[in-house]
C-alpha atoms as a PDB file:
ATOM      1  CA  MET A   1      33.066  22.902  -0.158  1.00  0.00           C
ATOM      2  CA  GLY A   2      33.829  26.130   1.699  1.00  0.00           C
ATOM      3  CA  ASN A   3      32.361  28.388  -0.994  1.00  0.00           C
ATOM      4  CA  ILE A   4      29.407  29.661   1.067  1.00  0.00           C
ATOM      5  CA  ALA A   5      29.691  31.647   4.293  1.00  0.00           C
ATOM      6  CA  TYR A   6      27.146  33.369   6.512  1.00  0.00           C
ATOM      7  CA  PRO A   7      25.186  35.524   5.651  1.00  0.00           C
ATOM      8  CA  ARG A   8      25.453  34.616   1.954  1.00  0.00           C
ATOM      9  CA  ASN A   9      23.532  31.417   2.713  1.00  0.00           C
ATOM     10  CA  LEU A  10      20.370  33.319   3.680  1.00  0.00           C
ATOM     11  CA  THR A  11      18.599  32.891   0.364  1.00  0.00           C
ATOM     12  CA  TRP A  12      15.407  31.175  -0.789  1.00  0.00           C
ATOM     13  CA  THR A  13      17.471  28.919  -3.032  1.00  0.00           C
ATOM     14  CA  ASN A  14      19.529  27.688  -0.093  1.00  0.00           C
ATOM     15  CA  TYR A  15      16.372  27.209   1.997  1.00  0.00           C
ATOM     16  CA  PHE A  16      14.563  25.117  -0.624  1.00  0.00           C
ATOM     17  CA  ASP A  17      17.744  23.130  -1.226  1.00  0.00           C
ATOM     18  CA  TYR A  18      17.805  22.265   2.492  1.00  0.00           C
ATOM     19  CA  LEU A  19      14.136  21.235   2.373  1.00  0.00           C
ATOM     20  CA  LEU A  20      14.802  18.817  -0.493  1.00  0.00           C
ATOM     21  CA  CYS A  21      18.018  17.347   0.901  1.00  0.00           C
ATOM     22  CA  PRO A  22      17.409  14.117   2.876  1.00  0.00           C
ATOM     23  CA  THR A  23      18.721  15.483   6.163  1.00  0.00           C
ATOM     24  CA  LEU A  24      17.375  17.346   9.199  1.00  0.00           C
ATOM     25  CA  CYS A  25      20.681  18.945  10.227  1.00  0.00           C
ATOM     26  CA  TYR A  26      21.324  22.213   8.409  1.00  0.00           C
ATOM     27  CA  GLU A  27      24.803  22.909   7.056  1.00  0.00           C
ATOM     28  CA  LEU A  28      26.113  25.727   4.900  1.00  0.00           C
ATOM     29  CA  GLU A  29      27.157  23.143   2.323  1.00  0.00           C
ATOM     30  CA  TYR A  30      26.789  19.389   1.904  1.00  0.00           C
ATOM     31  CA  PRO A  31      28.996  16.887   0.060  1.00  0.00           C
ATOM     32  CA  ARG A  32      27.619  16.546  -3.468  1.00  0.00           C
ATOM     33  CA  THR A  33      27.877  14.027  -6.272  1.00  0.00           C
ATOM     34  CA  ALA A  34      28.949  15.154  -9.730  1.00  0.00           C
ATOM     35  CA  ARG A  35      25.883  13.894 -11.590  1.00  0.00           C
ATOM     36  CA  ILE A  36      22.510  12.165 -11.205  1.00  0.00           C
ATOM     37  CA  ASP A  37      22.472   8.404 -11.664  1.00  0.00           C
ATOM     38  CA  TRP A  38      19.222   8.236 -13.637  1.00  0.00           C
ATOM     39  CA  GLN A  39      19.080   4.444 -13.626  1.00  0.00           C
ATOM     40  CA  ASN A  40      19.344   4.399  -9.832  1.00  0.00           C
ATOM     41  CA  LEU A  41      16.769   7.190  -9.494  1.00  0.00           C
ATOM     42  CA  ILE A  42      14.216   5.488 -11.754  1.00  0.00           C
ATOM     43  CA  SER A  43      14.695   2.134 -10.003  1.00  0.00           C
ATOM     44  CA  LYS A  44      14.033   3.750  -6.617  1.00  0.00           C
ATOM     45  CA  ILE A  45      10.881   5.483  -7.876  1.00  0.00           C
ATOM     46  CA  VAL A  46       9.583   2.198  -9.321  1.00  0.00           C
ATOM     47  CA  ALA A  47      10.445   0.433  -6.043  1.00  0.00           C
ATOM     48  CA  VAL A  48       8.423   3.005  -4.071  1.00  0.00           C
ATOM     49  CA  PHE A  49       5.288   2.278  -6.098  1.00  0.00           C
ATOM     50  CA  GLY A  50       5.950  -1.469  -5.916  1.00  0.00           C
ATOM     51  CA  CYS A  51       6.233  -1.383  -2.126  1.00  0.00           C
ATOM     52  CA  ILE A  52       3.122   0.786  -1.824  1.00  0.00           C
ATOM     53  CA  SER A  53       1.218  -1.782  -3.897  1.00  0.00           C
ATOM     54  CA  LEU A  54       2.390  -4.557  -1.559  1.00  0.00           C
ATOM     55  CA  LEU A  55       1.442  -2.458   1.466  1.00  0.00           C
ATOM     56  CA  THR A  56      -2.041  -1.942   0.041  1.00  0.00           C
ATOM     57  CA  VAL A  57      -2.537  -5.679  -0.518  1.00  0.00           C
ATOM     58  CA  ILE A  58      -1.254  -6.578   2.959  1.00  0.00           C
ATOM     59  CA  SER A  59      -3.446  -3.950   4.625  1.00  0.00           C
ATOM     60  CA  GLU A  60      -6.624  -4.852   2.743  1.00  0.00           C
ATOM     61  CA  GLU A  61      -6.207  -8.628   2.957  1.00  0.00           C
ATOM     62  CA  PHE A  62      -4.492  -9.278   6.288  1.00  0.00           C
ATOM     63  CA  ILE A  63      -4.804  -6.237   8.580  1.00  0.00           C
ATOM     64  CA  LEU A  64      -8.076  -4.368   8.018  1.00  0.00           C
ATOM     65  CA  PRO A  65     -10.334  -7.487   8.112  1.00  0.00           C
ATOM     66  CA  ILE A  66      -8.828  -8.568  11.448  1.00  0.00           C
ATOM     67  CA  LEU A  67      -9.195  -5.114  12.993  1.00  0.00           C
ATOM     68  CA  SER A  68     -12.711  -4.697  11.597  1.00  0.00           C
ATOM     69  CA  ASP A  69     -13.865  -8.045  12.984  1.00  0.00           C
ATOM     70  CA  ALA A  70     -12.300  -7.348  16.380  1.00  0.00           C
ATOM     71  CA  SER A  71     -13.876  -3.879  16.503  1.00  0.00           C
ATOM     72  CA  ILE A  72     -17.347  -5.305  15.797  1.00  0.00           C
ATOM     73  CA  ARG A  73     -16.952  -7.926  18.530  1.00  0.00           C
ATOM     74  CA  LEU A  74     -15.603  -5.437  21.083  1.00  0.00           C
ATOM     75  CA  ASN A  75     -18.350  -2.878  20.385  1.00  0.00           C
ATOM     76  CA  ALA A  76     -21.191  -5.398  20.460  1.00  0.00           C
ATOM     77  CA  VAL A  77     -24.323  -4.708  22.504  1.00  0.00           C
ATOM     78  CA  PRO A  78     -24.204  -5.770  25.256  1.00  0.00           C
ATOM     79  CA  PRO A  79     -20.406  -5.325  25.508  1.00  0.00           C
ATOM     80  CA  PRO A  80     -18.395  -8.500  26.111  1.00  0.00           C
ATOM     81  CA  PRO A  81     -17.025  -9.164  29.609  1.00  0.00           C
ATOM     82  CA  VAL A  82     -13.475  -8.030  30.335  1.00  0.00           C
ATOM     83  CA  SER A  83     -12.035 -11.534  30.057  1.00  0.00           C
ATOM     84  CA  GLU A  84     -13.598 -12.045  26.624  1.00  0.00           C
ATOM     85  CA  ALA A  85     -12.494  -8.579  25.470  1.00  0.00           C
ATOM     86  CA  LEU A  86      -8.913  -9.380  26.468  1.00  0.00           C
ATOM     87  CA  LEU A  87      -9.105 -12.654  24.546  1.00  0.00           C
ATOM     88  CA  ILE A  88     -10.389 -10.818  21.457  1.00  0.00           C
ATOM     89  CA  LEU A  89      -7.531  -8.323  21.769  1.00  0.00           C
ATOM     90  CA  ALA A  90      -4.960 -11.103  22.235  1.00  0.00           C
ATOM     91  CA  GLU A  91      -6.336 -13.004  19.241  1.00  0.00           C
ATOM     92  CA  SER A  92      -6.156  -9.891  17.072  1.00  0.00           C
ATOM     93  CA  ILE A  93      -2.566  -9.230  18.131  1.00  0.00           C
ATOM     94  CA  SER A  94      -1.550 -12.803  17.309  1.00  0.00           C
ATOM     95  CA  TRP A  95      -3.071 -12.558  13.815  1.00  0.00           C
ATOM     96  CA  LEU A  96      -1.342  -9.211  13.216  1.00  0.00           C
ATOM     97  CA  LEU A  97       2.172 -10.335  14.194  1.00  0.00           C
ATOM     98  CA  PHE A  98       3.420 -11.282  10.733  1.00  0.00           C
ATOM     99  CA  PRO A  99       1.487  -8.822   8.502  1.00  0.00           C
ATOM    100  CA  PHE A 100       2.325  -5.814  10.664  1.00  0.00           C
ATOM    101  CA  MET A 101       6.005  -6.746  10.900  1.00  0.00           C
ATOM    102  CA  LEU A 102       6.057  -7.047   7.116  1.00  0.00           C
ATOM    103  CA  THR A 103       4.309  -3.678   6.880  1.00  0.00           C
ATOM    104  CA  PHE A 104       6.966  -2.084   9.088  1.00  0.00           C
ATOM    105  CA  LEU A 105       9.789  -3.494   6.954  1.00  0.00           C
ATOM    106  CA  LEU A 106       8.158  -2.296   3.727  1.00  0.00           C
ATOM    107  CA  VAL A 107       7.539   1.186   5.146  1.00  0.00           C
ATOM    108  CA  PHE A 108      11.163   1.275   6.296  1.00  0.00           C
ATOM    109  CA  LEU A 109      12.313   0.365   2.774  1.00  0.00           C
ATOM    110  CA  VAL A 110      10.065   2.982   1.167  1.00  0.00           C
ATOM    111  CA  ILE A 111      11.290   5.798   3.406  1.00  0.00           C
ATOM    112  CA  PHE A 112      14.939   5.103   4.155  1.00  0.00           C
ATOM    113  CA  GLU A 113      16.102   3.161   1.107  1.00  0.00           C
ATOM    114  CA  TYR A 114      13.992   4.422  -1.784  1.00  0.00           C
ATOM    115  CA  ALA A 115      12.418   7.828  -0.994  1.00  0.00           C
ATOM    116  CA  LEU A 116      15.451   9.325   0.758  1.00  0.00           C
ATOM    117  CA  GLY A 117      17.718   7.731  -1.834  1.00  0.00           C
ATOM    118  CA  ALA A 118      15.669   9.311  -4.626  1.00  0.00           C
ATOM    119  CA  PHE A 119      15.850  12.761  -3.034  1.00  0.00           C
ATOM    120  CA  ALA A 120      19.589  12.259  -2.547  1.00  0.00           C
ATOM    121  CA  GLU A 121      19.968  11.566  -6.267  1.00  0.00           C
ATOM    122  CA  ILE A 122      17.833  14.564  -7.261  1.00  0.00           C
ATOM    123  CA  THR A 123      19.780  16.969  -5.013  1.00  0.00           C
ATOM    124  CA  HIS A 124      23.216  15.372  -5.690  1.00  0.00           C
ATOM    125  CA  PHE A 125      23.373  14.691  -1.926  1.00  0.00           C
ATOM    126  CA  ALA A 126      26.443  12.496  -1.409  1.00  0.00           C
ATOM    127  CA  ASP A 127      25.799  11.195   2.129  1.00  0.00           C
ATOM    128  CA  ARG A 128      23.543   8.163   1.646  1.00  0.00           C
ATOM    129  CA  HIS A 129      24.005   6.801   5.190  1.00  0.00           C
ATOM    130  CA  PHE A 130      20.348   6.910   6.269  1.00  0.00           C
ATOM    131  CA  TYR A 131      20.463   3.761   8.431  1.00  0.00           C
ATOM    132  CA  SER A 132      22.863   1.132   9.743  1.00  0.00           C
ATOM    133  CA  ASP A 133      22.369  -2.567  10.501  1.00  0.00           C
ATOM    134  CA  TRP A 134      19.659  -1.993  13.108  1.00  0.00           C
ATOM    135  CA  TRP A 135      18.474  -5.597  12.648  1.00  0.00           C
ATOM    136  CA  ASN A 136      21.584  -6.701  14.578  1.00  0.00           C
ATOM    137  CA  SER A 137      20.759  -4.449  17.546  1.00  0.00           C
ATOM    138  CA  THR A 138      21.342  -5.887  20.994  1.00  0.00           C
ATOM    139  CA  ASP A 139      19.477  -3.145  22.889  1.00  0.00           C
ATOM    140  CA  TRP A 140      17.025  -0.339  22.185  1.00  0.00           C
ATOM    141  CA  MET A 141      19.663   2.376  22.508  1.00  0.00           C
ATOM    142  CA  GLU A 142      21.582   0.809  19.637  1.00  0.00           C
ATOM    143  CA  PHE A 143      18.364   0.516  17.620  1.00  0.00           C
ATOM    144  CA  SER A 144      17.520   4.195  18.175  1.00  0.00           C
ATOM    145  CA  ARG A 145      20.967   5.163  16.867  1.00  0.00           C
ATOM    146  CA  GLU A 146      20.900   2.999  13.765  1.00  0.00           C
ATOM    147  CA  TRP A 147      17.402   2.671  12.325  1.00  0.00           C
ATOM    148  CA  ASN A 148      16.765   6.390  11.614  1.00  0.00           C
ATOM    149  CA  ILE A 149      20.067   8.216  11.308  1.00  0.00           C
ATOM    150  CA  PRO A 150      18.651  11.577  10.061  1.00  0.00           C
ATOM    151  CA  VAL A 151      16.407  11.938  13.131  1.00  0.00           C
ATOM    152  CA  TYR A 152      19.087  10.513  15.450  1.00  0.00           C
ATOM    153  CA  SER A 153      21.655  13.015  14.145  1.00  0.00           C
ATOM    154  CA  PHE A 154      19.197  15.883  14.645  1.00  0.00           C
ATOM    155  CA  LEU A 155      18.314  14.870  18.214  1.00  0.00           C
ATOM    156  CA  ARG A 156      21.954  14.243  19.116  1.00  0.00           C
ATOM    157  CA  ARG A 157      23.058  17.603  17.747  1.00  0.00           C
ATOM    158  CA  HIS A 158      20.213  19.874  18.866  1.00  0.00           C
ATOM    159  CA  VAL A 159      18.935  18.134  22.022  1.00  0.00           C
ATOM    160  CA  TYR A 160      21.475  15.740  23.556  1.00  0.00           C
ATOM    161  CA  SER A 161      24.727  17.598  22.788  1.00  0.00           C
ATOM    162  CA  ALA A 162      23.120  20.976  23.527  1.00  0.00           C
ATOM    163  CA  SER A 163      21.817  19.925  26.959  1.00  0.00           C
ATOM    164  CA  ARG A 164      24.517  17.503  28.158  1.00  0.00           C
ATOM    165  CA  PRO A 165      27.076  20.167  29.258  1.00  0.00           C
ATOM    166  CA  TYR A 166      24.456  21.735  31.543  1.00  0.00           C
ATOM    167  CA  ILE A 167      22.547  18.784  33.001  1.00  0.00           C
ATOM    168  CA  GLY A 168      24.775  15.730  32.529  1.00  0.00           C
ATOM    169  CA  ARG A 169      24.715  12.618  30.389  1.00  0.00           C
ATOM    170  CA  PHE A 170      21.787  10.656  31.820  1.00  0.00           C
ATOM    171  CA  PRO A 171      19.307  13.580  32.122  1.00  0.00           C
ATOM    172  CA  ALA A 172      20.216  14.619  28.564  1.00  0.00           C
ATOM    173  CA  THR A 173      19.495  11.065  27.389  1.00  0.00           C
ATOM    174  CA  VAL A 174      16.116  11.075  29.168  1.00  0.00           C
ATOM    175  CA  ILE A 175      15.166  14.441  27.664  1.00  0.00           C
ATOM    176  CA  THR A 176      16.190  13.241  24.193  1.00  0.00           C
ATOM    177  CA  PHE A 177      14.049  10.112  24.554  1.00  0.00           C
ATOM    178  CA  LEU A 178      11.198  12.229  25.942  1.00  0.00           C
ATOM    179  CA  ILE A 179      11.189  14.607  22.975  1.00  0.00           C
ATOM    180  CA  SER A 180      11.465  11.698  20.541  1.00  0.00           C
ATOM    181  CA  ALA A 181       8.586   9.885  22.270  1.00  0.00           C
ATOM    182  CA  ILE A 182       6.395  13.001  22.149  1.00  0.00           C
ATOM    183  CA  GLY A 183       7.164  13.381  18.440  1.00  0.00           C
ATOM    184  CA  HIS A 184       6.254   9.752  17.725  1.00  0.00           C
ATOM    185  CA  GLU A 185       3.040  10.106  19.738  1.00  0.00           C
ATOM    186  CA  ILE A 186       2.055  13.189  17.742  1.00  0.00           C
ATOM    187  CA  VAL A 187       2.603  11.222  14.523  1.00  0.00           C
ATOM    188  CA  MET A 188       0.425   8.367  15.809  1.00  0.00           C
ATOM    189  CA  ALA A 189      -2.249  10.847  16.909  1.00  0.00           C
ATOM    190  CA  CYS A 190      -2.318  12.339  13.401  1.00  0.00           C
ATOM    191  CA  ILE A 191      -2.568   8.887  11.792  1.00  0.00           C
ATOM    192  CA  THR A 192      -5.203   7.384  14.100  1.00  0.00           C
ATOM    193  CA  LYS A 193      -6.923  10.623  15.243  1.00  0.00           C
ATOM    194  CA  LYS A 194      -6.543   9.304  18.791  1.00  0.00           C
ATOM    195  CA  LEU A 195      -4.314  10.636  21.572  1.00  0.00           C
ATOM    196  CA  ARG A 196      -3.755   7.558  23.720  1.00  0.00           C
ATOM    197  CA  GLY A 197      -0.080   7.623  24.727  1.00  0.00           C
ATOM    198  CA  TYR A 198       0.617   3.954  23.981  1.00  0.00           C
ATOM    199  CA  GLY A 199       3.570   4.734  21.713  1.00  0.00           C
ATOM    200  CA  PHE A 200       4.903   7.291  24.184  1.00  0.00           C
ATOM    201  CA  ILE A 201       4.793   4.790  27.052  1.00  0.00           C
ATOM    202  CA  CYS A 202       6.415   2.024  24.989  1.00  0.00           C
ATOM    203  CA  GLN A 203       9.254   4.282  23.884  1.00  0.00           C
ATOM    204  CA  MET A 204       9.951   5.577  27.392  1.00  0.00           C
ATOM    205  CA  LEU A 205       9.980   1.980  28.663  1.00  0.00           C
ATOM    206  CA  GLN A 206      12.994   1.418  26.416  1.00  0.00           C
ATOM    207  CA  LEU A 207      15.206   3.280  28.909  1.00  0.00           C
ATOM    208  CA  PRO A 208      14.795   0.864  31.862  1.00  0.00           C
ATOM    209  CA  ILE A 209      15.006  -2.058  29.410  1.00  0.00           C
ATOM    210  CA  VAL A 210      18.350  -0.703  28.135  1.00  0.00           C
ATOM    211  CA  VAL A 211      19.609  -0.400  31.719  1.00  0.00           C
ATOM    212  CA  LEU A 212      18.619  -4.038  32.320  1.00  0.00           C
ATOM    213  CA  GLN A 213      20.246  -5.210  29.082  1.00  0.00           C
ATOM    214  CA  ARG A 214      23.513  -3.508  30.018  1.00  0.00           C
ATOM    215  CA  THR A 215      23.851  -5.211  33.378  1.00  0.00           C
ATOM    216  CA  LYS A 216      26.621  -7.789  33.795  1.00  0.00           C
ATOM    217  CA  LEU A 217      24.066 -10.595  33.770  1.00  0.00           C
ATOM    218  CA  VAL A 218      23.044 -10.133  30.112  1.00  0.00           C
ATOM    219  CA  ARG A 219      25.417  -7.525  28.663  1.00  0.00           C
ATOM    220  CA  GLY A 220      27.743  -9.943  26.879  1.00  0.00           C
ATOM    221  CA  LYS A 221      24.991 -12.213  25.513  1.00  0.00           C
ATOM    222  CA  LYS A 222      24.555 -10.559  22.131  1.00  0.00           C
ATOM    223  CA  THR A 223      22.555 -13.364  20.532  1.00  0.00           C
ATOM    224  CA  LEU A 224      20.106 -13.470  23.440  1.00  0.00           C
ATOM    225  CA  ASN A 225      19.700  -9.693  23.415  1.00  0.00           C
ATOM    226  CA  ASN A 226      19.152  -9.663  19.649  1.00  0.00           C
ATOM    227  CA  VAL A 227      16.502 -12.394  19.960  1.00  0.00           C
ATOM    228  CA  CYS A 228      14.794 -10.395  22.728  1.00  0.00           C
ATOM    229  CA  PHE A 229      14.965  -7.289  20.543  1.00  0.00           C
ATOM    230  CA  TRP A 230      13.251  -9.030  17.625  1.00  0.00           C
ATOM    231  CA  CYS A 231      10.609 -10.639  19.847  1.00  0.00           C
ATOM    232  CA  SER A 232       9.740  -7.265  21.351  1.00  0.00           C
ATOM    233  CA  MET A 233       9.697  -5.666  17.886  1.00  0.00           C
ATOM    234  CA  ILE A 234       7.358  -8.273  16.413  1.00  0.00           C
ATOM    235  CA  MET A 235       5.071  -8.301  19.441  1.00  0.00           C
ATOM    236  CA  GLY A 236       5.224  -4.564  20.096  1.00  0.00           C
ATOM    237  CA  LEU A 237       4.261  -3.416  16.603  1.00  0.00           C
ATOM    238  CA  SER A 238       1.081  -5.490  16.454  1.00  0.00           C
ATOM    239  CA  LEU A 239       0.261  -4.637  20.088  1.00  0.00           C
ATOM    240  CA  ILE A 240       0.512  -0.887  19.460  1.00  0.00           C
ATOM    241  CA  CYS A 241      -1.505  -1.210  16.244  1.00  0.00           C
ATOM    242  CA  ALA A 242      -4.291  -3.117  18.001  1.00  0.00           C
ATOM    243  CA  LEU A 243      -4.351  -0.724  20.965  1.00  0.00           C
ATOM    244  CA  TYR A 244      -4.568   2.435  18.874  1.00  0.00           C
ATOM    245  CA  VAL A 245      -7.288   1.072  16.602  1.00  0.00           C
ATOM    246  CA  LEU A 246      -9.378  -0.967  19.044  1.00  0.00           C
ATOM    247  CA  VAL A 247      -9.000   0.717  22.445  1.00  0.00           C
END
């Protein structure tokens, strides 16, 4: 460490090294491991393909048939009345609760445990802290800090910390959530080819929910807050999926 100084870092080699390193925050140098653990690297690559196979089976057997059937019923001629359409949507969401939660967990494993871990091995990147125990979160602010540490570190460094001295803590938090929500909505628009704003609205709603969870009435009830977190996760994922595909 300390061997590279500006402007000696302005090279194509340094740029491509940054692109391959599993981080969004640029540094002149990163902590590095001495060698590649080939056994660990191969196991992560195999795990990626294994998880993708499971994701394919889950999607084809438990997600796509439900969405296809619901889409046919909602787009029937004549269209169903509003009450029936809401029942179809609610039924679809209930059937998607477990498969979509499992899909989320598998995608999380593929990205944050296996893919980023593999790139860390290839680049000798020593910092493998890509996530914390987000499953123990008691509010959405804690979840946003712990489930995606590379993105959180980037937003904290380049958005929150850069704006807080000028506008204050709470406005900086709102702007950080706003930029994150816009980014997530763009991702969903690319995946579904629909710009609906459901993900944006759900993410921005996390702020008032966090304020509620930090009131004296529920702040100290960690088990209750964790149960509420998991209920909203399980329900929210299938709800957003159904809305983007069917509405």
